[in-house]
Amino acid sequence: MLKKLGQTRNQGEFMILRYIILSLILVIGLTKTPAALGALSIPTDLSDGEQQSILQILGFGTSFRPVDNPYPMGGYAGFELGLAVESVPTEDIGYYGSKAAVDRDVVYPRVTVGKGIFDSVDLFFSFLPLSENEGVGIYSGALRWGFFQATFVPAVFSVLFSATNTNVNTVFVSQTEGADLVAGVNVDPFSFYVGAGYLYGQGQFDSSLTIDGTQTNQISQTMHTMIGVNLAISEMFASLEIDTYTTTTASLKIGARL
């Protein structure tokens, strides 16, 4: 009887700790000021080629990144909440147009919510809320379908479809859509995954940025690769991912899969 009461107490304490951690993830993600990204100064007098490069750096660089356990959440009951810290290399932007002082990399947080909808289909929504003070917002949605799980080895293959809208100081807005094939393998407590796919993007540049003083629209596309590792301890997890577009980015995420 005492043993059972002790187990119940431990379970209750773990539940309280879990919800404290999840609450901290949300609070930090929603209140963290994206100062580095918001303070990014995009040069003016940009040529068409330079606008293309900025679309590839900022548009592709802020597109959706899974940074996650490659295995499905396990159906409708599956739920996930995480906080990612992502980086984008921006040093080259400072050499364009009128030139500007730009940090080598910008780093920003992004909250991710995941929900299982079928046995092997998951939906994700990630966001950096639009800040009136900083004028920066990033919103992404993704669908992942684990179409094959091997029985002879702990491996899974999935396809990932994603879309992202990024707004930087209202002078640059981009939309990206991507499709990736991802393969993952589990070596408890770690999961490793690699992926490759295609990314399409379009960006709108305010007239204050362009060399001819008119608002412009740019379109670009590129191949995308990713490699990542996930560490799972009970319901908590931590993931590290490296993505390559025309530039290379890094992401770290902590969270819980319930």
C-alpha atoms as a PDB file:
ATOM      1  CA  MET A   1       0.000   0.000   0.000  1.00  0.00           C
ATOM      2  CA  LEU A   2       2.786   2.411   0.980  1.00  0.00           C
ATOM      3  CA  LYS A   3       4.708   1.426  -2.146  1.00  0.00           C
ATOM      4  CA  LYS A   4       1.675   2.189  -4.299  1.00  0.00           C
ATOM      5  CA  LEU A   5       1.200   5.556  -2.601  1.00  0.00           C
ATOM      6  CA  GLY A   6       4.875   6.339  -3.193  1.00  0.00           C
ATOM      7  CA  GLN A   7       4.556   5.498  -6.902  1.00  0.00           C
ATOM      8  CA  THR A   8       1.438   7.676  -7.183  1.00  0.00           C
ATOM      9  CA  ARG A   9       3.252  10.546  -5.477  1.00  0.00           C
ATOM     10  CA  ASN A  10       6.249  10.188  -7.807  1.00  0.00           C
ATOM     11  CA  GLN A  11       3.959  10.196 -10.828  1.00  0.00           C
ATOM     12  CA  GLY A  12       2.214  13.307  -9.543  1.00  0.00           C
ATOM     13  CA  GLU A  13       5.525  15.079  -8.970  1.00  0.00           C
ATOM     14  CA  PHE A  14       6.672  14.130 -12.467  1.00  0.00           C
ATOM     15  CA  MET A  15       3.445  15.491 -13.968  1.00  0.00           C
ATOM     16  CA  ILE A  16       3.890  18.784 -12.094  1.00  0.00           C
ATOM     17  CA  LEU A  17       7.525  19.029 -13.255  1.00  0.00           C
ATOM     18  CA  ARG A  18       6.499  18.276 -16.831  1.00  0.00           C
ATOM     19  CA  TYR A  19       3.879  21.022 -16.905  1.00  0.00           C
ATOM     20  CA  ILE A  20       6.297  23.480 -15.318  1.00  0.00           C
ATOM     21  CA  ILE A  21       8.797  22.757 -18.086  1.00  0.00           C
ATOM     22  CA  LEU A  22       6.125  23.070 -20.778  1.00  0.00           C
ATOM     23  CA  SER A  23       4.948  26.358 -19.286  1.00  0.00           C
ATOM     24  CA  LEU A  24       8.520  27.684 -19.279  1.00  0.00           C
ATOM     25  CA  ILE A  25       8.876  26.704 -22.940  1.00  0.00           C
ATOM     26  CA  LEU A  26       5.814  28.728 -23.857  1.00  0.00           C
ATOM     27  CA  VAL A  27       6.679  31.710 -21.655  1.00  0.00           C
ATOM     28  CA  ILE A  28      10.249  31.950 -22.943  1.00  0.00           C
ATOM     29  CA  GLY A  29       9.177  31.459 -26.537  1.00  0.00           C
ATOM     30  CA  LEU A  30       6.411  34.043 -26.391  1.00  0.00           C
ATOM     31  CA  THR A  31       8.239  36.700 -24.389  1.00  0.00           C
ATOM     32  CA  LYS A  32      11.769  36.370 -25.748  1.00  0.00           C
ATOM     33  CA  THR A  33      12.408  39.495 -27.831  1.00  0.00           C
ATOM     34  CA  PRO A  34      13.863  38.552 -31.230  1.00  0.00           C
ATOM     35  CA  ALA A  35      16.255  41.480 -30.982  1.00  0.00           C
ATOM     36  CA  ALA A  36      18.946  40.054 -33.259  1.00  0.00           C
ATOM     37  CA  LEU A  37      16.552  39.405 -36.137  1.00  0.00           C
ATOM     38  CA  GLY A  38      14.565  42.582 -35.552  1.00  0.00           C
ATOM     39  CA  ALA A  39      17.736  44.660 -35.413  1.00  0.00           C
ATOM     40  CA  LEU A  40      18.889  43.254 -38.755  1.00  0.00           C
ATOM     41  CA  SER A  41      19.487  46.198 -41.052  1.00  0.00           C
ATOM     42  CA  ILE A  42      18.733  45.315 -44.672  1.00  0.00           C
ATOM     43  CA  PRO A  43      20.706  47.629 -46.981  1.00  0.00           C
ATOM     44  CA  THR A  44      18.969  49.860 -49.532  1.00  0.00           C
ATOM     45  CA  ASP A  45      19.722  50.274 -53.265  1.00  0.00           C
ATOM     46  CA  LEU A  46      19.482  46.515 -53.812  1.00  0.00           C
ATOM     47  CA  SER A  47      19.858  45.148 -57.333  1.00  0.00           C
ATOM     48  CA  ASP A  48      17.769  42.222 -58.587  1.00  0.00           C
ATOM     49  CA  GLY A  49      20.645  39.809 -57.983  1.00  0.00           C
ATOM     50  CA  GLU A  50      21.128  41.071 -54.436  1.00  0.00           C
ATOM     51  CA  GLN A  51      17.414  40.747 -53.757  1.00  0.00           C
ATOM     52  CA  GLN A  52      17.621  37.145 -54.935  1.00  0.00           C
ATOM     53  CA  SER A  53      20.475  36.512 -52.504  1.00  0.00           C
ATOM     54  CA  ILE A  54      18.570  38.047 -49.582  1.00  0.00           C
ATOM     55  CA  LEU A  55      15.537  35.900 -50.419  1.00  0.00           C
ATOM     56  CA  GLN A  56      17.772  32.839 -50.301  1.00  0.00           C
ATOM     57  CA  ILE A  57      19.429  33.883 -47.025  1.00  0.00           C
ATOM     58  CA  LEU A  58      16.436  35.176 -45.059  1.00  0.00           C
ATOM     59  CA  GLY A  59      13.555  33.430 -46.838  1.00  0.00           C
ATOM     60  CA  PHE A  60      15.083  29.977 -47.107  1.00  0.00           C
ATOM     61  CA  GLY A  61      17.042  30.413 -43.859  1.00  0.00           C
ATOM     62  CA  THR A  62      13.859  30.944 -41.809  1.00  0.00           C
ATOM     63  CA  SER A  63      11.824  28.193 -43.518  1.00  0.00           C
ATOM     64  CA  PHE A  64      10.407  25.305 -41.468  1.00  0.00           C
ATOM     65  CA  ARG A  65      12.919  22.981 -39.792  1.00  0.00           C
ATOM     66  CA  PRO A  66      11.577  19.833 -38.068  1.00  0.00           C
ATOM     67  CA  VAL A  67      14.321  19.564 -35.369  1.00  0.00           C
ATOM     68  CA  ASP A  68      12.417  16.593 -33.999  1.00  0.00           C
ATOM     69  CA  ASN A  69      12.172  12.884 -33.344  1.00  0.00           C
ATOM     70  CA  PRO A  70      11.747  11.363 -36.842  1.00  0.00           C
ATOM     71  CA  TYR A  71       9.192   8.833 -35.556  1.00  0.00           C
ATOM     72  CA  PRO A  72       5.446   9.644 -35.735  1.00  0.00           C
ATOM     73  CA  MET A  73       3.687  10.764 -32.560  1.00  0.00           C
ATOM     74  CA  GLY A  74       1.487   7.701 -32.521  1.00  0.00           C
ATOM     75  CA  GLY A  75      -1.921   8.804 -33.696  1.00  0.00           C
ATOM     76  CA  TYR A  76      -4.543  11.281 -32.560  1.00  0.00           C
ATOM     77  CA  ALA A  77      -3.482  11.140 -28.904  1.00  0.00           C
ATOM     78  CA  GLY A  78       0.042  12.311 -29.764  1.00  0.00           C
ATOM     79  CA  PHE A  79       0.975  15.881 -28.824  1.00  0.00           C
ATOM     80  CA  GLU A  80       4.273  17.764 -28.737  1.00  0.00           C
ATOM     81  CA  LEU A  81       5.462  21.148 -27.539  1.00  0.00           C
ATOM     82  CA  GLY A  82       8.966  22.519 -28.028  1.00  0.00           C
ATOM     83  CA  LEU A  83      11.125  25.628 -28.074  1.00  0.00           C
ATOM     84  CA  ALA A  84      13.792  25.913 -30.759  1.00  0.00           C
ATOM     85  CA  VAL A  85      16.698  28.305 -31.011  1.00  0.00           C
ATOM     86  CA  GLU A  86      17.627  28.830 -34.660  1.00  0.00           C
ATOM     87  CA  SER A  87      20.430  30.655 -36.442  1.00  0.00           C
ATOM     88  CA  VAL A  88      20.731  32.260 -39.876  1.00  0.00           C
ATOM     89  CA  PRO A  89      24.083  33.383 -41.356  1.00  0.00           C
ATOM     90  CA  THR A  90      23.576  37.004 -42.432  1.00  0.00           C
ATOM     91  CA  GLU A  91      27.088  38.425 -42.790  1.00  0.00           C
ATOM     92  CA  ASP A  92      26.934  38.571 -46.605  1.00  0.00           C
ATOM     93  CA  ILE A  93      23.892  40.865 -46.526  1.00  0.00           C
ATOM     94  CA  GLY A  94      26.067  43.689 -45.211  1.00  0.00           C
ATOM     95  CA  TYR A  95      27.984  43.838 -48.517  1.00  0.00           C
ATOM     96  CA  TYR A  96      24.917  44.435 -50.691  1.00  0.00           C
ATOM     97  CA  GLY A  97      23.521  47.712 -52.027  1.00  0.00           C
ATOM     98  CA  SER A  98      24.284  50.695 -49.799  1.00  0.00           C
ATOM     99  CA  LYS A  99      26.018  48.297 -47.379  1.00  0.00           C
ATOM    100  CA  ALA A 100      25.232  48.027 -43.663  1.00  0.00           C
ATOM    101  CA  ALA A 101      26.712  46.721 -40.430  1.00  0.00           C
ATOM    102  CA  VAL A 102      25.297  43.192 -40.103  1.00  0.00           C
ATOM    103  CA  ASP A 103      26.077  40.497 -37.532  1.00  0.00           C
ATOM    104  CA  ARG A 104      27.733  37.315 -38.736  1.00  0.00           C
ATOM    105  CA  ASP A 105      24.669  35.320 -37.595  1.00  0.00           C
ATOM    106  CA  VAL A 106      21.275  36.154 -36.162  1.00  0.00           C
ATOM    107  CA  VAL A 107      19.691  33.882 -33.559  1.00  0.00           C
ATOM    108  CA  TYR A 108      16.014  33.745 -32.638  1.00  0.00           C
ATOM    109  CA  PRO A 109      13.573  31.458 -30.749  1.00  0.00           C
ATOM    110  CA  ARG A 110      10.629  29.644 -32.284  1.00  0.00           C
ATOM    111  CA  VAL A 111       7.822  27.766 -30.505  1.00  0.00           C
ATOM    112  CA  THR A 112       6.698  24.505 -32.138  1.00  0.00           C
ATOM    113  CA  VAL A 113       3.422  22.658 -31.523  1.00  0.00           C
ATOM    114  CA  GLY A 114       2.885  19.190 -32.980  1.00  0.00           C
ATOM    115  CA  LYS A 115      -0.254  17.032 -33.103  1.00  0.00           C
ATOM    116  CA  GLY A 116      -0.803  13.497 -34.343  1.00  0.00           C
ATOM    117  CA  ILE A 117      -3.903  13.172 -36.501  1.00  0.00           C
ATOM    118  CA  PHE A 118      -3.614   9.586 -37.755  1.00  0.00           C
ATOM    119  CA  ASP A 119      -1.413   6.634 -36.879  1.00  0.00           C
ATOM    120  CA  SER A 120       1.533   7.884 -38.971  1.00  0.00           C
ATOM    121  CA  VAL A 121       0.503  11.465 -39.894  1.00  0.00           C
ATOM    122  CA  ASP A 122       1.535  14.500 -37.826  1.00  0.00           C
ATOM    123  CA  LEU A 123       0.803  18.219 -38.124  1.00  0.00           C
ATOM    124  CA  PHE A 124       3.201  20.931 -36.932  1.00  0.00           C
ATOM    125  CA  PHE A 125       2.812  24.658 -36.368  1.00  0.00           C
ATOM    126  CA  SER A 126       5.794  26.797 -35.421  1.00  0.00           C
ATOM    127  CA  PHE A 127       5.925  30.512 -34.860  1.00  0.00           C
ATOM    128  CA  LEU A 128       7.842  33.552 -33.721  1.00  0.00           C
ATOM    129  CA  PRO A 129       4.951  35.937 -32.941  1.00  0.00           C
ATOM    130  CA  LEU A 130       4.965  39.220 -34.819  1.00  0.00           C
ATOM    131  CA  SER A 131       6.385  41.863 -32.472  1.00  0.00           C
ATOM    132  CA  GLU A 132       5.185  45.448 -32.859  1.00  0.00           C
ATOM    133  CA  ASN A 133       8.400  46.663 -31.288  1.00  0.00           C
ATOM    134  CA  GLU A 134      10.722  44.585 -33.441  1.00  0.00           C
ATOM    135  CA  GLY A 135       8.506  44.138 -36.517  1.00  0.00           C
ATOM    136  CA  VAL A 136       9.483  40.494 -37.012  1.00  0.00           C
ATOM    137  CA  GLY A 137       7.211  37.484 -37.422  1.00  0.00           C
ATOM    138  CA  ILE A 138       7.739  33.904 -38.621  1.00  0.00           C
ATOM    139  CA  TYR A 139       4.873  31.427 -39.029  1.00  0.00           C
ATOM    140  CA  SER A 140       5.219  27.874 -40.355  1.00  0.00           C
ATOM    141  CA  GLY A 141       2.997  24.856 -40.886  1.00  0.00           C
ATOM    142  CA  ALA A 142       4.017  21.327 -41.856  1.00  0.00           C
ATOM    143  CA  LEU A 143       2.560  17.872 -42.445  1.00  0.00           C
ATOM    144  CA  ARG A 144       4.639  14.723 -41.976  1.00  0.00           C
ATOM    145  CA  TRP A 145       3.568  11.278 -43.209  1.00  0.00           C
ATOM    146  CA  GLY A 146       5.563   8.265 -42.034  1.00  0.00           C
ATOM    147  CA  PHE A 147       4.798   6.014 -44.971  1.00  0.00           C
ATOM    148  CA  PHE A 148       7.102   3.112 -44.047  1.00  0.00           C
ATOM    149  CA  GLN A 149       8.476   1.640 -40.807  1.00  0.00           C
ATOM    150  CA  ALA A 150      10.885  -1.257 -41.166  1.00  0.00           C
ATOM    151  CA  THR A 151      10.321  -4.317 -39.013  1.00  0.00           C
ATOM    152  CA  PHE A 152      13.824  -5.788 -39.239  1.00  0.00           C
ATOM    153  CA  VAL A 153      15.584  -2.575 -38.128  1.00  0.00           C
ATOM    154  CA  PRO A 154      14.275   0.408 -36.096  1.00  0.00           C
ATOM    155  CA  ALA A 155      13.994   2.702 -39.124  1.00  0.00           C
ATOM    156  CA  VAL A 156      11.288   4.976 -40.502  1.00  0.00           C
ATOM    157  CA  PHE A 157      10.826   6.816 -43.810  1.00  0.00           C
ATOM    158  CA  SER A 158       8.600   9.865 -44.141  1.00  0.00           C
ATOM    159  CA  VAL A 159       7.708  12.761 -46.401  1.00  0.00           C
ATOM    160  CA  LEU A 160       7.482  16.292 -45.038  1.00  0.00           C
ATOM    161  CA  PHE A 161       5.514  19.126 -46.647  1.00  0.00           C
ATOM    162  CA  SER A 162       5.944  22.627 -45.210  1.00  0.00           C
ATOM    163  CA  ALA A 163       5.149  26.305 -45.750  1.00  0.00           C
ATOM    164  CA  THR A 164       6.496  29.434 -44.021  1.00  0.00           C
ATOM    165  CA  ASN A 165       5.760  33.153 -43.995  1.00  0.00           C
ATOM    166  CA  THR A 166       8.503  35.502 -42.757  1.00  0.00           C
ATOM    167  CA  ASN A 167       8.139  39.237 -42.168  1.00  0.00           C
ATOM    168  CA  VAL A 168      11.207  41.361 -41.358  1.00  0.00           C
ATOM    169  CA  ASN A 169      10.427  44.944 -40.379  1.00  0.00           C
ATOM    170  CA  THR A 170       7.592  45.044 -42.948  1.00  0.00           C
ATOM    171  CA  VAL A 171      10.120  45.847 -45.701  1.00  0.00           C
ATOM    172  CA  PHE A 172      10.861  42.211 -46.584  1.00  0.00           C
ATOM    173  CA  VAL A 173       8.208  39.477 -46.650  1.00  0.00           C
ATOM    174  CA  SER A 174       8.805  35.955 -47.937  1.00  0.00           C
ATOM    175  CA  GLN A 175       6.771  32.804 -48.485  1.00  0.00           C
ATOM    176  CA  THR A 176       8.431  29.417 -48.864  1.00  0.00           C
ATOM    177  CA  GLU A 177       7.072  25.953 -49.618  1.00  0.00           C
ATOM    178  CA  GLY A 178       9.088  22.752 -49.265  1.00  0.00           C
ATOM    179  CA  ALA A 179       8.892  18.998 -49.742  1.00  0.00           C
ATOM    180  CA  ASP A 180      11.442  16.613 -48.200  1.00  0.00           C
ATOM    181  CA  LEU A 181      12.066  12.885 -47.947  1.00  0.00           C
ATOM    182  CA  VAL A 182      13.388  11.966 -44.486  1.00  0.00           C
ATOM    183  CA  ALA A 183      14.913   8.711 -43.202  1.00  0.00           C
ATOM    184  CA  GLY A 184      15.383   8.063 -39.493  1.00  0.00           C
ATOM    185  CA  VAL A 185      16.818   5.297 -37.332  1.00  0.00           C
ATOM    186  CA  ASN A 186      16.457   4.755 -33.591  1.00  0.00           C
ATOM    187  CA  VAL A 187      19.320   3.691 -31.303  1.00  0.00           C
ATOM    188  CA  ASP A 188      17.683   4.171 -27.903  1.00  0.00           C
ATOM    189  CA  PRO A 189      17.758   6.803 -26.418  1.00  0.00           C
ATOM    190  CA  PHE A 190      18.974   8.507 -29.623  1.00  0.00           C
ATOM    191  CA  SER A 191      17.332   8.925 -33.009  1.00  0.00           C
ATOM    192  CA  PHE A 192      19.261  10.000 -36.086  1.00  0.00           C
ATOM    193  CA  TYR A 193      17.795  11.326 -39.300  1.00  0.00           C
ATOM    194  CA  VAL A 194      18.786  12.673 -42.704  1.00  0.00           C
ATOM    195  CA  GLY A 195      16.636  14.282 -45.351  1.00  0.00           C
ATOM    196  CA  ALA A 196      16.708  15.944 -48.737  1.00  0.00           C
ATOM    197  CA  GLY A 197      14.177  17.841 -50.790  1.00  0.00           C
ATOM    198  CA  TYR A 198      13.199  20.925 -52.710  1.00  0.00           C
ATOM    199  CA  LEU A 199      12.375  24.447 -51.536  1.00  0.00           C
ATOM    200  CA  TYR A 200      10.547  27.148 -53.475  1.00  0.00           C
ATOM    201  CA  GLY A 201      10.398  30.753 -52.301  1.00  0.00           C
ATOM    202  CA  GLN A 202       9.136  34.168 -53.255  1.00  0.00           C
ATOM    203  CA  GLY A 203       9.878  37.490 -51.608  1.00  0.00           C
ATOM    204  CA  GLN A 204       8.473  40.997 -51.681  1.00  0.00           C
ATOM    205  CA  PHE A 205      10.858  43.934 -51.250  1.00  0.00           C
ATOM    206  CA  ASP A 206       9.586  47.341 -50.219  1.00  0.00           C
ATOM    207  CA  SER A 207      10.356  50.244 -52.567  1.00  0.00           C
ATOM    208  CA  SER A 208      12.651  51.713 -49.900  1.00  0.00           C
ATOM    209  CA  LEU A 209      15.069  48.814 -50.436  1.00  0.00           C
ATOM    210  CA  THR A 210      15.334  48.601 -54.214  1.00  0.00           C
ATOM    211  CA  ILE A 211      17.750  50.443 -56.469  1.00  0.00           C
ATOM    212  CA  ASP A 212      14.982  51.800 -58.727  1.00  0.00           C
ATOM    213  CA  GLY A 213      12.620  52.753 -55.876  1.00  0.00           C
ATOM    214  CA  THR A 214       9.826  50.345 -56.843  1.00  0.00           C
ATOM    215  CA  GLN A 215       8.349  47.426 -54.941  1.00  0.00           C
ATOM    216  CA  THR A 216       9.589  44.153 -56.406  1.00  0.00           C
ATOM    217  CA  ASN A 217       8.836  40.441 -56.220  1.00  0.00           C
ATOM    218  CA  GLN A 218      11.567  37.828 -56.477  1.00  0.00           C
ATOM    219  CA  ILE A 219      11.321  34.071 -56.980  1.00  0.00           C
ATOM    220  CA  SER A 220      13.955  31.449 -56.210  1.00  0.00           C
ATOM    221  CA  GLN A 221      14.299  27.717 -55.654  1.00  0.00           C
ATOM    222  CA  THR A 222      16.929  25.399 -54.247  1.00  0.00           C
ATOM    223  CA  MET A 223      17.694  21.911 -53.019  1.00  0.00           C
ATOM    224  CA  HIS A 224      17.539  21.371 -49.255  1.00  0.00           C
ATOM    225  CA  THR A 225      19.328  18.822 -47.065  1.00  0.00           C
ATOM    226  CA  MET A 226      19.134  18.164 -43.332  1.00  0.00           C
ATOM    227  CA  ILE A 227      20.876  16.003 -40.759  1.00  0.00           C
ATOM    228  CA  GLY A 228      19.843  15.740 -37.127  1.00  0.00           C
ATOM    229  CA  VAL A 229      19.974  13.864 -33.851  1.00  0.00           C
ATOM    230  CA  ASN A 230      17.307  13.566 -31.147  1.00  0.00           C
ATOM    231  CA  LEU A 231      17.803  12.525 -27.522  1.00  0.00           C
ATOM    232  CA  ALA A 232      14.671  11.309 -25.737  1.00  0.00           C
ATOM    233  CA  ILE A 233      14.472  10.801 -21.963  1.00  0.00           C
ATOM    234  CA  SER A 234      11.002   9.665 -20.953  1.00  0.00           C
ATOM    235  CA  GLU A 235       8.663  12.272 -22.484  1.00  0.00           C
ATOM    236  CA  MET A 236      11.295  15.009 -22.727  1.00  0.00           C
ATOM    237  CA  PHE A 237      13.584  15.431 -25.718  1.00  0.00           C
ATOM    238  CA  ALA A 238      16.389  17.575 -27.117  1.00  0.00           C
ATOM    239  CA  SER A 239      17.217  17.808 -30.831  1.00  0.00           C
ATOM    240  CA  LEU A 240      20.035  19.287 -32.891  1.00  0.00           C
ATOM    241  CA  GLU A 241      19.724  19.834 -36.644  1.00  0.00           C
ATOM    242  CA  ILE A 242      21.915  21.211 -39.438  1.00  0.00           C
ATOM    243  CA  ASP A 243      20.170  22.391 -42.624  1.00  0.00           C
ATOM    244  CA  THR A 244      21.766  23.360 -45.909  1.00  0.00           C
ATOM    245  CA  TYR A 245      20.102  25.538 -48.551  1.00  0.00           C
ATOM    246  CA  THR A 246      22.280  28.079 -50.372  1.00  0.00           C
ATOM    247  CA  THR A 247      23.602  28.682 -46.823  1.00  0.00           C
ATOM    248  CA  THR A 248      23.981  26.409 -43.782  1.00  0.00           C
ATOM    249  CA  THR A 249      21.892  26.905 -40.625  1.00  0.00           C
ATOM    250  CA  ALA A 250      21.776  25.297 -37.179  1.00  0.00           C
ATOM    251  CA  SER A 251      18.892  24.647 -34.753  1.00  0.00           C
ATOM    252  CA  LEU A 252      18.560  23.335 -31.207  1.00  0.00           C
ATOM    253  CA  LYS A 253      15.212  22.397 -29.669  1.00  0.00           C
ATOM    254  CA  ILE A 254      14.003  21.154 -26.300  1.00  0.00           C
ATOM    255  CA  GLY A 255      10.480  19.961 -25.608  1.00  0.00           C
ATOM    256  CA  ALA A 256       8.136  17.195 -24.567  1.00  0.00           C
ATOM    257  CA  ARG A 257       6.157  14.609 -26.491  1.00  0.00           C
ATOM    258  CA  LEU A 258       2.996  13.652 -24.557  1.00  0.00           C
END
